Amino acid sequence: MSINNPRIEIATAYPNLEEISVGKGKGMTLRGDIQTDQGVKLAFVKLLSLEGIAREAICSVLARKLQLPVRQGYYVSLLSTQFHGKAGNIESLAFGTLHDFTRLFRLKELSGFEAELLKWPDLLNSAVFDEWIANGDRLPNNMAFERGGVFWLFDHDEAFPGHVSAGTPVNSQLLALLAKEKAEFELYQIRNKALDIVKSYEQVNWDEIHTWVRATEFKYLEQYFVKQIKFLRARIPEMRNILTQDLGIKQTELLFSDSQKHPKNQNHEN
């Protein structure tokens, strides 16, 4: 799936915002019109803390950079709305994503969608991404199904949880689906493909990411970006062990040195 423009854009909300229910999640979610550089757009707007906005922004930028199915993200000013001063932060800033009228069905559970998901080309990429950002909360309601076998990823409220260290698995629900009822050799194959994806994380240009989240323009968000990027960079070398644990690979891998390949009583010439 080709997705352009990873950068977070800037928008201003109109006063017609209305609260909607999207299931569990942090912050209040609104729907209404926002003014963007491309004109007026209908959007979902989330009222979050500044750290929550930074979390959504960096996950949006990284996902779109990695060609994952995430909608365009916006920093949305609420100064012209009734939510000014009630946004969850002193800046009256919110995080928005476009609502393009496509009929989507939010997944509450995997049951009923497993066959479609297993055919979805972005399944492994999305599963590994969730492990990288330590997001164990893809379901319920943070993933949606569109006709034609397309799935979209929404909301990263639970990414970068404070209790998770760089090396801690988070039991990705998508990775568990891939591992379900697989033989040991199949799990190794999945992990090898997943590690190829991890290699693309090693190539991320963090200065570019810093620019795309507009950290220098939103100085009050920058401290959170610094912390999140530090976590992501530290997690990359841990991904092999994380994937091994969450895929349920049980067989111990033994690496033998050349000396171990020789019988103990073998004589060697000096």
Protein backbone atom coordinates (compact mmCIF):
# COMPACT_ATOMS: atom_id res chain seq x y z
CA MET A 1 0.00 0.00 0.00
CA SER A 2 1.52 3.30 -1.05
CA ILE A 3 0.90 6.10 1.45
CA ASN A 4 2.27 9.59 0.89
CA ASN A 5 3.15 12.43 3.23
CA PRO A 6 4.13 11.01 6.62
CA ARG A 7 4.41 14.54 8.05
CA ILE A 8 1.83 15.70 10.59
CA GLU A 9 -0.19 18.57 9.13
CA ILE A 10 -1.72 21.54 10.95
CA ALA A 11 -5.43 22.31 11.08
CA THR A 12 -8.02 24.42 12.92
CA ALA A 13 -11.28 22.95 14.13
CA TYR A 14 -14.67 24.50 13.40
CA PRO A 15 -17.22 24.84 16.23
CA ASN A 16 -19.40 21.99 14.91
CA LEU A 17 -17.45 19.30 16.75
CA GLU A 18 -19.60 16.63 18.38
CA GLU A 19 -18.62 13.87 20.77
CA ILE A 20 -18.83 10.32 19.43
CA SER A 21 -18.40 6.91 20.99
CA VAL A 22 -15.54 4.74 19.70
CA GLY A 23 -15.27 2.28 22.56
CA LYS A 24 -12.51 2.31 25.13
CA GLY A 25 -9.55 4.62 24.79
CA LYS A 26 -7.86 7.60 26.35
CA GLY A 27 -9.35 11.03 25.87
CA MET A 28 -12.60 12.19 24.31
CA THR A 29 -13.15 11.65 20.59
CA LEU A 30 -14.99 14.26 18.52
CA ARG A 31 -16.09 14.43 14.90
CA GLY A 32 -16.44 17.57 12.84
CA ASP A 33 -14.89 19.88 10.25
CA ILE A 34 -11.30 21.07 10.31
CA GLN A 35 -9.66 23.69 8.12
CA THR A 36 -6.54 22.32 6.44
CA ASP A 37 -4.17 23.55 3.74
CA GLN A 38 -6.22 21.41 1.34
CA GLY A 39 -9.54 22.92 2.39
CA VAL A 40 -12.23 21.86 4.82
CA LYS A 41 -12.11 18.19 5.81
CA LEU A 42 -14.24 16.01 8.03
CA ALA A 43 -12.09 14.51 10.79
CA PHE A 44 -11.98 12.57 14.01
CA VAL A 45 -10.42 14.74 16.71
CA LYS A 46 -9.04 13.31 19.96
CA LEU A 47 -8.63 15.35 23.12
CA LEU A 48 -5.41 14.16 24.75
CA SER A 49 -2.61 15.23 27.02
CA LEU A 50 0.43 16.68 25.31
CA GLU A 51 2.25 13.37 25.81
CA GLY A 52 -0.72 11.56 24.26
CA ILE A 53 -0.62 13.86 21.23
CA ALA A 54 3.12 13.26 20.83
CA ARG A 55 2.52 9.51 21.06
CA GLU A 56 -0.11 9.59 18.31
CA ALA A 57 2.04 11.86 16.15
CA ILE A 58 5.21 9.78 16.18
CA CYS A 59 3.28 6.53 15.65
CA SER A 60 1.46 8.12 12.69
CA VAL A 61 4.67 9.37 11.11
CA LEU A 62 6.54 6.09 11.56
CA ALA A 63 3.63 3.97 10.34
CA ARG A 64 3.14 6.03 7.21
CA LYS A 65 6.89 6.14 6.58
CA LEU A 66 6.86 2.33 6.76
CA GLN A 67 3.90 2.17 4.34
CA LEU A 68 1.41 0.93 6.93
CA PRO A 69 -2.33 1.72 6.63
CA VAL A 70 -2.71 4.74 8.91
CA ARG A 71 -4.74 7.84 8.02
CA GLN A 72 -3.18 11.30 7.68
CA GLY A 73 -2.56 12.92 11.06
CA TYR A 74 -3.14 16.56 12.10
CA TYR A 75 -2.33 18.84 14.98
CA VAL A 76 -5.72 20.48 15.48
CA SER A 77 -6.21 23.82 17.21
CA LEU A 78 -9.40 24.01 19.29
CA LEU A 79 -9.20 27.75 19.95
CA SER A 80 -12.36 28.47 17.91
CA THR A 81 -14.45 25.74 19.54
CA GLN A 82 -16.35 25.15 22.76
CA PHE A 83 -13.53 22.80 23.76
CA HIS A 84 -11.00 25.61 24.10
CA GLY A 85 -9.55 25.22 27.59
CA LYS A 86 -11.02 21.70 27.90
CA ALA A 87 -8.74 19.89 25.48
CA GLY A 88 -6.80 17.91 28.07
CA ASN A 89 -3.81 20.25 27.78
CA ILE A 90 -3.13 23.95 28.26
CA GLU A 91 -2.37 24.51 24.57
CA SER A 92 -5.92 23.67 23.37
CA LEU A 93 -4.33 21.26 20.92
CA ALA A 94 -5.83 17.96 19.76
CA PHE A 95 -4.84 15.16 17.41
CA GLY A 96 -6.91 14.58 14.29
CA THR A 97 -7.25 11.97 11.57
CA LEU A 98 -9.30 12.27 8.40
CA HIS A 99 -12.75 10.75 8.08
CA ASP A 100 -13.20 10.05 4.37
CA PHE A 101 -16.72 8.54 4.51
CA THR A 102 -15.40 5.07 3.70
CA ARG A 103 -17.57 2.54 5.47
CA LEU A 104 -15.37 0.92 8.09
CA PHE A 105 -16.16 -1.74 10.64
CA ARG A 106 -14.14 -1.45 13.85
CA LEU A 107 -12.92 -4.81 15.10
CA LYS A 108 -13.84 -5.70 18.65
CA GLU A 109 -12.17 -9.10 18.37
CA LEU A 110 -10.38 -11.26 15.84
CA SER A 111 -13.15 -13.85 15.70
CA GLY A 112 -14.85 -13.72 12.31
CA PHE A 113 -11.98 -11.84 10.67
CA GLU A 114 -9.11 -14.29 11.06
CA ALA A 115 -9.32 -15.63 7.50
CA GLU A 116 -9.37 -12.12 6.01
CA LEU A 117 -6.52 -10.98 8.24
CA LEU A 118 -4.34 -13.94 7.32
CA LYS A 119 -4.68 -12.93 3.65
CA TRP A 120 -3.93 -9.29 4.41
CA PRO A 121 -0.49 -8.29 3.00
CA ASP A 122 0.19 -5.86 5.85
CA LEU A 123 -0.48 -8.30 8.69
CA LEU A 124 3.12 -9.18 9.59
CA ASN A 125 4.32 -5.60 9.10
CA SER A 126 1.57 -4.34 11.39
CA ALA A 127 2.24 -7.03 14.00
CA VAL A 128 5.97 -6.25 14.13
CA PHE A 129 5.24 -2.51 14.27
CA ASP A 130 2.96 -3.03 17.28
CA GLU A 131 5.76 -4.94 19.01
CA TRP A 132 8.23 -2.18 18.23
CA ILE A 133 6.08 0.61 19.66
CA ALA A 134 5.05 -1.71 22.54
CA ASN A 135 1.38 -1.47 21.65
CA GLY A 136 -0.49 -4.42 23.11
CA ASP A 137 -3.85 -2.72 22.59
CA ARG A 138 -4.69 -3.21 18.91
CA LEU A 139 -8.00 -4.81 19.83
CA PRO A 140 -10.70 -3.98 20.59
CA ASN A 141 -11.63 -1.01 18.41
CA ASN A 142 -8.18 0.18 17.30
CA MET A 143 -8.34 -1.57 13.95
CA ALA A 144 -10.97 -1.33 11.23
CA PHE A 145 -12.01 -3.46 8.26
CA GLU A 146 -12.85 -1.99 4.87
CA ARG A 147 -14.38 -3.87 1.97
CA GLY A 148 -11.89 -5.52 -0.36
CA GLY A 149 -9.74 -7.07 2.35
CA VAL A 150 -8.24 -3.78 3.55
CA PHE A 151 -7.61 -3.08 7.23
CA TRP A 152 -6.71 0.24 8.86
CA LEU A 153 -4.82 0.90 12.09
CA PHE A 154 -6.22 3.54 14.45
CA ASP A 155 -5.28 5.01 17.81
CA HIS A 156 -2.02 4.37 19.60
CA ASP A 157 -3.15 5.33 23.11
CA GLU A 158 -1.23 2.50 24.73
CA ALA A 159 2.06 2.73 22.82
CA PHE A 160 5.21 3.36 24.90
CA PRO A 161 3.65 2.32 28.23
CA GLY A 162 5.77 3.50 31.11
CA HIS A 163 5.98 0.04 32.72
CA VAL A 164 7.48 -1.60 29.60
CA SER A 165 11.24 -1.70 29.21
CA ALA A 166 13.03 -1.80 25.85
CA GLY A 167 13.27 -5.58 26.02
CA THR A 168 9.77 -6.43 27.28
CA PRO A 169 7.33 -8.25 24.95
CA VAL A 170 3.75 -6.92 24.82
CA ASN A 171 1.96 -9.94 23.35
CA SER A 172 0.83 -8.44 20.04
CA GLN A 173 -2.58 -9.83 19.16
CA LEU A 174 -1.71 -9.79 15.46
CA LEU A 175 1.50 -11.71 16.06
CA ALA A 176 -0.44 -14.25 18.14
CA LEU A 177 -2.78 -14.78 15.19
CA LEU A 178 0.19 -15.46 12.89
CA ALA A 179 1.61 -17.95 15.40
CA LYS A 180 -1.67 -19.76 16.05
CA GLU A 181 -1.40 -23.54 15.51
CA LYS A 182 1.94 -23.21 13.69
CA ALA A 183 4.66 -25.82 13.84
CA GLU A 184 8.06 -24.85 15.26
CA PHE A 185 9.73 -24.55 11.85
CA GLU A 186 6.87 -22.27 10.69
CA LEU A 187 7.41 -20.02 13.69
CA TYR A 188 11.08 -19.72 12.74
CA GLN A 189 10.05 -18.74 9.21
CA ILE A 190 7.72 -16.05 10.57
CA ARG A 191 10.46 -14.72 12.82
CA ASN A 192 12.96 -14.57 9.98
CA LYS A 193 10.53 -12.53 7.89
CA ALA A 194 9.81 -10.32 10.90
CA LEU A 195 13.54 -9.69 11.42
CA ASP A 196 13.80 -8.53 7.80
CA ILE A 197 11.16 -5.93 8.72
CA VAL A 198 13.18 -4.94 11.80
CA LYS A 199 16.13 -4.22 9.50
CA SER A 200 14.07 -1.44 7.94
CA TYR A 201 13.74 0.11 11.42
CA GLU A 202 17.52 0.26 11.62
CA GLN A 203 17.49 2.46 8.52
CA VAL A 204 15.08 5.06 9.93
CA ASN A 205 16.46 8.58 9.68
CA TRP A 206 15.59 10.03 13.08
CA ASP A 207 16.38 13.59 12.02
CA GLU A 208 13.76 13.14 9.30
CA ILE A 209 11.24 11.81 11.82
CA HIS A 210 12.01 14.77 14.10
CA THR A 211 11.18 17.08 11.19
CA TRP A 212 7.98 15.28 10.22
CA VAL A 213 6.53 15.43 13.75
CA ARG A 214 7.35 19.17 13.62
CA ALA A 215 9.17 19.04 16.93
CA THR A 216 10.85 22.42 16.50
CA GLU A 217 7.48 24.06 15.77
CA PHE A 218 5.79 22.48 18.80
CA LYS A 219 8.48 22.86 21.44
CA TYR A 220 6.18 21.69 24.23
CA LEU A 221 5.98 18.28 22.52
CA GLU A 222 9.69 17.86 21.92
CA GLN A 223 10.55 16.36 25.33
CA TYR A 224 8.12 13.50 24.65
CA PHE A 225 9.53 12.86 21.19
CA VAL A 226 13.03 12.64 22.66
CA LYS A 227 11.85 10.02 25.17
CA GLN A 228 9.90 8.02 22.57
CA ILE A 229 12.73 7.97 20.05
CA LYS A 230 15.16 6.86 22.76
CA PHE A 231 12.83 3.94 23.57
CA LEU A 232 12.39 2.95 19.91
CA ARG A 233 16.11 2.97 19.20
CA ALA A 234 16.84 0.91 22.31
CA ARG A 235 14.11 -1.60 21.41
CA ILE A 236 15.44 -2.44 17.93
CA PRO A 237 18.33 -4.72 19.11
CA GLU A 238 15.89 -6.42 21.51
CA MET A 239 13.38 -7.32 18.80
CA ARG A 240 14.83 -10.77 18.09
CA ASN A 241 14.26 -11.88 21.68
CA ILE A 242 10.90 -10.12 21.84
CA LEU A 243 9.67 -11.85 18.68
CA THR A 244 11.02 -15.22 19.87
CA GLN A 245 9.02 -14.93 23.09
CA ASP A 246 5.80 -13.63 21.60
CA LEU A 247 5.79 -16.17 18.77
CA GLY A 248 6.16 -18.90 21.38
CA ILE A 249 9.36 -20.38 19.98
CA LYS A 250 10.36 -22.93 22.61
CA GLN A 251 13.32 -24.76 21.09
CA THR A 252 16.62 -23.45 22.43
CA GLU A 253 19.01 -22.22 19.77
CA LEU A 254 22.54 -23.52 20.35
CA LEU A 255 25.51 -21.93 18.68
CA PHE A 256 28.58 -24.12 18.60
CA SER A 257 32.08 -22.75 18.31
CA ASP A 258 34.55 -24.57 16.11
CA SER A 259 36.19 -26.10 19.18
CA GLN A 260 32.87 -27.56 20.30
CA LYS A 261 32.55 -29.43 17.02
CA HIS A 262 35.60 -31.57 17.86
CA PRO A 263 35.48 -34.56 20.24
CA LYS A 264 37.01 -33.83 23.62
CA ASN A 265 39.69 -36.48 23.19
CA GLN A 266 40.81 -35.28 19.75
CA ASN A 267 44.55 -34.64 19.62
CA HIS A 268 45.84 -31.46 18.02
CA GLU A 269 49.31 -30.87 16.80
CA ASN A 270 51.17 -27.99 18.35
